[in-house]
Amino acid sequence: MAAEDSLGRAEELLARLEAARLELEQLSQGEEGGSPTRALELLGELAELAKAVEEELERAKRAAEADEQS
């Protein structure tokens, strides 16, 4: 996978991460404090997305280093 592909995927994941973060923020500002169950789901999703972003950035780094060596 080319570095550009990994970076593009990381950008998509970051957009999803931001959307989940905004939903969590809105949930926390709700009149009744929102749904604790949904908040936990969002926190899990945020953790998974953050890990996926980190993995894509590592792939991009390795691909860029491989391109430099060839």
C-alpha atoms as a PDB file:
ATOM      1  CA  MET A   1       0.000   0.000   0.000  1.00  0.00           C
ATOM      2  CA  ALA A   2       1.386   3.384  -0.968  1.00  0.00           C
ATOM      3  CA  ALA A   3       1.996   6.065   1.614  1.00  0.00           C
ATOM      4  CA  GLU A   4      -0.649   8.271  -0.026  1.00  0.00           C
ATOM      5  CA  ASP A   5      -3.257   5.521   0.327  1.00  0.00           C
ATOM      6  CA  SER A   6      -2.499   5.116   4.018  1.00  0.00           C
ATOM      7  CA  LEU A   7      -2.610   8.855   4.579  1.00  0.00           C
ATOM      8  CA  GLY A   8      -5.950   9.070   2.790  1.00  0.00           C
ATOM      9  CA  ARG A   9      -7.329   6.264   4.932  1.00  0.00           C
ATOM     10  CA  ALA A  10      -5.987   7.993   8.059  1.00  0.00           C
ATOM     11  CA  GLU A  11      -7.781  11.198   7.045  1.00  0.00           C
ATOM     12  CA  GLU A  12     -11.049   9.286   6.622  1.00  0.00           C
ATOM     13  CA  LEU A  13     -10.595   7.692  10.031  1.00  0.00           C
ATOM     14  CA  LEU A  14      -9.830  11.075  11.597  1.00  0.00           C
ATOM     15  CA  ALA A  15     -13.066  12.452  10.160  1.00  0.00           C
ATOM     16  CA  ARG A  16     -14.984   9.549  11.709  1.00  0.00           C
ATOM     17  CA  LEU A  17     -13.121  10.086  14.981  1.00  0.00           C
ATOM     18  CA  GLU A  18     -14.103  13.757  15.015  1.00  0.00           C
ATOM     19  CA  ALA A  19     -17.750  12.912  14.283  1.00  0.00           C
ATOM     20  CA  ALA A  20     -17.827  10.440  17.178  1.00  0.00           C
ATOM     21  CA  ARG A  21     -16.169  12.972  19.462  1.00  0.00           C
ATOM     22  CA  LEU A  22     -18.743  15.601  18.545  1.00  0.00           C
ATOM     23  CA  GLU A  23     -21.571  13.151  19.179  1.00  0.00           C
ATOM     24  CA  LEU A  24     -20.108  12.347  22.593  1.00  0.00           C
ATOM     25  CA  GLU A  25     -19.816  16.057  23.355  1.00  0.00           C
ATOM     26  CA  GLN A  26     -23.435  16.645  22.353  1.00  0.00           C
ATOM     27  CA  LEU A  27     -24.515  13.663  24.416  1.00  0.00           C
ATOM     28  CA  SER A  28     -22.741  15.043  27.476  1.00  0.00           C
ATOM     29  CA  GLN A  29     -24.426  18.421  27.047  1.00  0.00           C
ATOM     30  CA  GLY A  30     -27.922  16.950  26.836  1.00  0.00           C
ATOM     31  CA  GLU A  31     -30.511  17.986  29.391  1.00  0.00           C
ATOM     32  CA  GLU A  32     -30.500  14.641  31.154  1.00  0.00           C
ATOM     33  CA  GLY A  33     -26.819  13.919  30.645  1.00  0.00           C
ATOM     34  CA  GLY A  34     -27.482  11.610  27.713  1.00  0.00           C
ATOM     35  CA  SER A  35     -27.375   7.863  27.536  1.00  0.00           C
ATOM     36  CA  PRO A  36     -24.553   6.273  29.536  1.00  0.00           C
ATOM     37  CA  THR A  37     -24.743   3.224  27.295  1.00  0.00           C
ATOM     38  CA  ARG A  38     -24.287   5.313  24.143  1.00  0.00           C
ATOM     39  CA  ALA A  39     -21.470   7.254  25.812  1.00  0.00           C
ATOM     40  CA  LEU A  40     -19.637   4.003  26.529  1.00  0.00           C
ATOM     41  CA  GLU A  41     -20.188   2.857  22.941  1.00  0.00           C
ATOM     42  CA  LEU A  42     -18.758   6.127  21.667  1.00  0.00           C
ATOM     43  CA  LEU A  43     -15.735   5.892  23.953  1.00  0.00           C
ATOM     44  CA  GLY A  44     -15.035   2.403  22.628  1.00  0.00           C
ATOM     45  CA  GLU A  45     -15.438   3.637  19.062  1.00  0.00           C
ATOM     46  CA  LEU A  46     -13.076   6.548  19.733  1.00  0.00           C
ATOM     47  CA  ALA A  47     -10.455   4.171  21.098  1.00  0.00           C
ATOM     48  CA  GLU A  48     -10.758   1.855  18.083  1.00  0.00           C
ATOM     49  CA  LEU A  49     -10.605   4.724  15.607  1.00  0.00           C
ATOM     50  CA  ALA A  50      -7.579   6.263  17.316  1.00  0.00           C
ATOM     51  CA  LYS A  51      -5.785   2.919  17.132  1.00  0.00           C
ATOM     52  CA  ALA A  52      -6.707   2.528  13.455  1.00  0.00           C
ATOM     53  CA  VAL A  53      -5.391   6.036  12.689  1.00  0.00           C
ATOM     54  CA  GLU A  54      -2.126   5.205  14.432  1.00  0.00           C
ATOM     55  CA  GLU A  55      -1.802   1.984  12.415  1.00  0.00           C
ATOM     56  CA  GLU A  56      -2.440   3.798   9.120  1.00  0.00           C
ATOM     57  CA  LEU A  57       0.155   6.437   9.961  1.00  0.00           C
ATOM     58  CA  GLU A  58       2.667   3.688  10.731  1.00  0.00           C
ATOM     59  CA  ARG A  59       1.890   2.048   7.374  1.00  0.00           C
ATOM     60  CA  ALA A  60       2.372   5.394   5.641  1.00  0.00           C
ATOM     61  CA  LYS A  61       5.684   5.878   7.407  1.00  0.00           C
ATOM     62  CA  ARG A  62       6.918   2.416   6.442  1.00  0.00           C
ATOM     63  CA  ALA A  63       5.781   2.904   2.825  1.00  0.00           C
ATOM     64  CA  ALA A  64       7.532   6.278   2.624  1.00  0.00           C
ATOM     65  CA  GLU A  65      10.720   4.780   4.057  1.00  0.00           C
ATOM     66  CA  ALA A  66      10.536   1.895   1.571  1.00  0.00           C
ATOM     67  CA  ASP A  67      10.085   4.380  -1.298  1.00  0.00           C
ATOM     68  CA  GLU A  68      13.152   6.303  -0.136  1.00  0.00           C
ATOM     69  CA  GLN A  69      15.265   3.163  -0.137  1.00  0.00           C
ATOM     70  CA  SER A  70      14.239   2.082  -3.632  1.00  0.00           C
END
